[in-house]
């Protein structure tokens, strides 16, 4: 049997009764709003990077057409080089800011979670193992970094790239669009089906990490007694 899950918490330490419920995105928004300026910059960089990525194949197509026609390439090659370099720079800066913001979100959530834990009634500590609570502060809170920062920003940039690619394919070739659209729909169905199973296994993995942490905590707490009794094999 899996260990009981630790309930939700709000900013300011106000208790939240989440037994039997799931956390909503709105409960996690305050941790993002603390870094809204940096996240705004990251989202802007993501959109610019998506635009640069969409512009590269268009310029490459013009380069090929120009070479086939035997005319001067003119500004096409410098523009392509500028797009490639600019896209790499935007991606690097975005990745750095995203990682930094993600760590700040995790730190903030851990501080508020620790404050919430220290103000729990004694009955809650009797009902939950110490190692399980420690696991919530350590392993579980780390997942917020991927969900609240990387996942959100990548979704916005990916959506822009997806819409731009669809428009470009509609302009270039309807057959290519039909083939690509069918592949995308099939992939989405597979991802949705697999994600449901992965969510179950991810929950089990979190519970097992809590079990492991609790077992190690008990073993370390009792190691002096065990060694004093000469009960070590």
Protein backbone atom coordinates (compact mmCIF):
# COMPACT_ATOMS: atom_id res chain seq x y z
CA UNK A 1 0.00 0.00 0.00
CA UNK A 2 1.34 3.39 -0.93
CA UNK A 3 2.00 5.95 1.69
CA UNK A 4 -0.47 8.78 2.26
CA UNK A 5 0.15 11.77 0.07
CA UNK A 6 0.92 15.12 1.57
CA UNK A 7 -1.81 17.69 0.99
CA UNK A 8 -1.55 20.96 -0.84
CA UNK A 9 -0.38 24.27 0.52
CA UNK A 10 -0.88 27.94 -0.29
CA UNK A 11 1.27 31.00 -0.11
CA UNK A 12 1.41 32.40 3.40
CA UNK A 13 1.13 29.00 5.07
CA UNK A 14 -2.67 28.79 5.02
CA UNK A 15 -3.73 25.14 5.24
CA UNK A 16 -5.46 23.58 2.28
CA UNK A 17 -7.50 20.45 2.60
CA UNK A 18 -6.70 18.49 -0.55
CA UNK A 19 -7.44 14.99 0.59
CA UNK A 20 -8.87 13.09 -2.33
CA UNK A 21 -8.38 16.00 -4.75
CA UNK A 22 -5.78 17.01 -7.29
CA UNK A 23 -3.81 20.22 -7.30
CA UNK A 24 -4.90 22.76 -9.88
CA UNK A 25 -2.73 24.99 -12.02
CA UNK A 26 -4.20 28.02 -10.27
CA UNK A 27 -2.71 26.87 -6.95
CA UNK A 28 0.74 26.87 -8.54
CA UNK A 29 0.43 30.19 -10.37
CA UNK A 30 1.74 32.32 -7.44
CA UNK A 31 5.14 30.68 -7.81
CA UNK A 32 5.23 31.68 -11.48
CA UNK A 33 4.00 35.21 -10.84
CA UNK A 34 7.04 35.81 -8.63
CA UNK A 35 9.14 35.59 -11.79
CA UNK A 36 6.66 36.97 -14.34
CA UNK A 37 9.14 39.47 -15.82
CA UNK A 38 11.80 36.88 -16.53
CA UNK A 39 9.19 34.44 -17.80
CA UNK A 40 7.86 37.16 -20.10
CA UNK A 41 11.36 37.60 -21.53
CA UNK A 42 11.74 33.83 -21.91
CA UNK A 43 8.40 33.54 -23.70
CA UNK A 44 9.37 36.41 -26.03
CA UNK A 45 12.69 34.69 -26.79
CA UNK A 46 10.82 31.44 -27.41
CA UNK A 47 8.51 33.15 -29.89
CA UNK A 48 11.45 34.81 -31.66
CA UNK A 49 13.25 31.48 -31.80
CA UNK A 50 10.17 29.83 -33.27
CA UNK A 51 9.99 32.56 -35.91
CA UNK A 52 13.67 32.10 -36.75
CA UNK A 53 13.18 28.34 -37.05
CA UNK A 54 10.23 28.83 -39.39
CA UNK A 55 12.15 31.34 -41.50
CA UNK A 56 15.13 29.07 -42.18
CA UNK A 57 13.40 26.53 -44.47
CA UNK A 58 11.71 29.35 -46.40
CA UNK A 59 15.06 31.00 -47.12
CA UNK A 60 16.61 27.62 -47.98
CA UNK A 61 13.80 27.07 -50.49
CA UNK A 62 14.53 30.46 -52.04
CA UNK A 63 18.24 29.66 -52.18
CA UNK A 64 17.52 26.41 -54.05
CA UNK A 65 15.18 28.16 -56.47
CA UNK A 66 17.74 30.92 -57.08
CA UNK A 67 20.54 28.42 -57.73
CA UNK A 68 18.35 26.46 -60.14
CA UNK A 69 17.50 29.68 -61.96
CA UNK A 70 21.20 30.60 -62.15
CA UNK A 71 20.73 34.07 -60.68
CA UNK A 72 22.65 35.91 -57.97
CA UNK A 73 21.94 34.77 -54.41
CA UNK A 74 22.30 38.31 -53.11
CA UNK A 75 21.06 38.70 -49.53
CA UNK A 76 19.81 35.12 -49.15
CA UNK A 77 23.02 33.53 -47.83
CA UNK A 78 23.80 36.29 -45.28
CA UNK A 79 20.16 36.20 -44.15
CA UNK A 80 20.29 32.43 -43.69
CA UNK A 81 23.54 32.64 -41.71
CA UNK A 82 22.09 35.41 -39.55
CA UNK A 83 18.98 33.35 -38.85
CA UNK A 84 21.00 30.28 -37.86
CA UNK A 85 23.31 32.24 -35.55
CA UNK A 86 20.44 34.27 -34.12
CA UNK A 87 18.40 31.16 -33.46
CA UNK A 88 21.33 29.56 -31.61
CA UNK A 89 21.88 32.68 -29.48
CA UNK A 90 18.18 32.98 -28.65
CA UNK A 91 18.03 29.32 -27.70
CA UNK A 92 21.07 29.59 -25.43
CA UNK A 93 19.82 32.69 -23.61
CA UNK A 94 16.34 31.21 -23.26
CA UNK A 95 17.72 27.96 -21.87
CA UNK A 96 19.85 29.80 -19.31
CA UNK A 97 17.00 32.02 -18.11
CA UNK A 98 14.63 29.07 -18.03
CA UNK A 99 16.95 26.95 -15.91
CA UNK A 100 17.59 29.85 -13.54
CA UNK A 101 13.88 30.60 -13.18
CA UNK A 102 13.09 26.93 -12.68
CA UNK A 103 15.53 26.65 -9.81
CA UNK A 104 14.06 29.80 -8.25
CA UNK A 105 10.56 28.33 -8.48
CA UNK A 106 11.71 25.12 -6.79
CA UNK A 107 13.48 27.08 -4.04
CA UNK A 108 10.41 29.21 -3.38
CA UNK A 109 8.09 26.21 -3.28
CA UNK A 110 10.42 24.37 -0.90
CA UNK A 111 10.59 27.32 1.47
CA UNK A 112 6.82 27.57 1.68
CA UNK A 113 6.43 23.80 1.96
CA UNK A 114 8.94 23.63 4.82
CA UNK A 115 7.11 26.47 6.58
CA UNK A 116 3.85 24.57 6.09
CA UNK A 117 5.36 21.36 7.44
CA UNK A 118 6.73 23.01 10.55
CA UNK A 119 3.27 24.37 11.36
CA UNK A 120 1.41 21.08 10.95
CA UNK A 121 -0.37 19.70 14.01
CA UNK A 122 1.32 16.80 15.79
CA UNK A 123 -1.43 14.45 14.63
CA UNK A 124 -0.25 14.92 11.04
CA UNK A 125 3.27 13.81 11.96
CA UNK A 126 1.78 10.75 13.65
CA UNK A 127 -0.18 9.90 10.51
CA UNK A 128 2.71 10.41 8.09
CA UNK A 129 6.23 9.09 8.11
CA UNK A 130 9.06 11.58 8.44
CA UNK A 131 10.86 10.20 5.41
CA UNK A 132 7.75 10.57 3.30
CA UNK A 133 7.44 14.25 4.23
CA UNK A 134 11.13 14.79 3.49
CA UNK A 135 10.59 13.23 0.08
CA UNK A 136 7.86 15.78 -0.66
CA UNK A 137 10.31 18.59 0.03
CA UNK A 138 13.09 17.02 -2.02
CA UNK A 139 12.07 14.82 -4.92
CA UNK A 140 8.46 15.87 -5.47
CA UNK A 141 9.05 19.62 -5.43
CA UNK A 142 11.73 19.23 -8.12
CA UNK A 143 9.02 18.28 -10.62
CA UNK A 144 7.64 21.80 -10.42
CA UNK A 145 10.69 23.00 -12.35
CA UNK A 146 9.78 21.00 -15.43
CA UNK A 147 6.03 21.52 -15.21
CA UNK A 148 5.84 25.23 -14.42
CA UNK A 149 8.76 26.55 -16.46
CA UNK A 150 10.09 24.26 -19.16
CA UNK A 151 6.75 22.66 -20.01
CA UNK A 152 4.85 25.95 -20.14
CA UNK A 153 7.37 27.86 -22.25
CA UNK A 154 8.05 24.96 -24.60
CA UNK A 155 4.32 24.54 -25.12
CA UNK A 156 3.96 28.18 -26.20
CA UNK A 157 6.93 28.06 -28.57
CA UNK A 158 5.88 24.67 -29.90
CA UNK A 159 2.35 25.91 -30.60
CA UNK A 160 3.68 28.84 -32.64
CA UNK A 161 6.00 26.54 -34.58
CA UNK A 162 3.19 24.05 -35.19
CA UNK A 163 0.76 26.67 -36.48
CA UNK A 164 3.44 28.28 -38.64
CA UNK A 165 4.43 24.91 -40.10
CA UNK A 166 0.81 24.12 -40.97
CA UNK A 167 0.39 27.45 -42.75
CA UNK A 168 3.66 26.96 -44.65
CA UNK A 169 2.68 23.45 -45.75
CA UNK A 170 -0.75 24.67 -46.88
CA UNK A 171 0.99 27.24 -49.06
CA UNK A 172 3.67 24.90 -50.42
CA UNK A 173 1.92 21.55 -50.96
CA UNK A 174 -1.51 20.24 -49.94
CA UNK A 175 -0.41 16.61 -50.26
CA UNK A 176 2.52 17.25 -47.92
CA UNK A 177 0.10 18.89 -45.48
CA UNK A 178 -2.26 15.90 -45.61
CA UNK A 179 0.52 13.41 -44.92
CA UNK A 180 2.00 15.49 -42.13
CA UNK A 181 -1.39 16.14 -40.53
CA UNK A 182 -2.22 12.43 -40.48
CA UNK A 183 1.13 11.64 -38.85
CA UNK A 184 0.63 14.38 -36.25
CA UNK A 185 -2.87 13.17 -35.36
CA UNK A 186 -1.68 9.58 -35.03
CA UNK A 187 1.23 10.69 -32.84
CA UNK A 188 -1.08 12.74 -30.62
CA UNK A 189 -3.37 9.76 -30.06
CA UNK A 190 -0.40 7.57 -29.12
CA UNK A 191 0.99 10.22 -26.77
CA UNK A 192 -2.37 10.68 -25.03
CA UNK A 193 -2.78 6.95 -24.50
CA UNK A 194 0.77 6.48 -23.24
CA UNK A 195 0.70 9.58 -21.03
CA UNK A 196 -2.15 8.14 -18.99
CA UNK A 197 -0.13 5.05 -18.24
CA UNK A 198 3.01 7.08 -17.58
CA UNK A 199 1.10 9.23 -15.09
CA UNK A 200 0.18 6.11 -13.10
CA UNK A 201 3.77 4.87 -13.09
CA UNK A 202 5.07 8.33 -12.21
CA UNK A 203 2.76 8.41 -9.19
CA UNK A 204 3.99 4.98 -8.15
CA UNK A 205 7.59 6.11 -8.54
CA UNK A 206 6.94 9.08 -6.25
CA UNK A 207 5.38 6.78 -3.67
CA UNK A 208 8.36 4.42 -3.87
CA UNK A 209 10.77 7.31 -3.38
CA UNK A 210 8.80 8.24 -0.28
CA UNK A 211 8.97 4.65 0.95
CA UNK A 212 12.72 4.52 0.36
CA UNK A 213 13.33 7.82 2.13
CA UNK A 214 11.21 6.72 5.08
CA UNK A 215 13.06 3.39 5.33
CA UNK A 216 16.48 5.04 5.19
CA UNK A 217 15.39 7.61 7.79
CA UNK A 218 14.26 4.85 10.16
CA UNK A 219 17.44 2.85 9.59
CA UNK A 220 19.73 5.82 10.25
CA UNK A 221 17.74 6.82 13.34
CA UNK A 222 18.10 3.33 14.78
CA UNK A 223 21.69 2.65 13.75
CA UNK A 224 23.16 3.70 17.12
CA UNK A 225 20.79 1.43 19.02
CA UNK A 226 21.45 -1.49 16.69
CA UNK A 227 25.22 -1.13 16.92
CA UNK A 228 25.11 -0.66 20.70
CA UNK A 229 23.20 -3.93 20.94
CA UNK A 230 25.78 -5.58 18.64
CA UNK A 231 22.96 -6.66 16.32
CA UNK A 232 24.76 -5.85 13.06
CA UNK A 233 25.50 -8.87 10.88
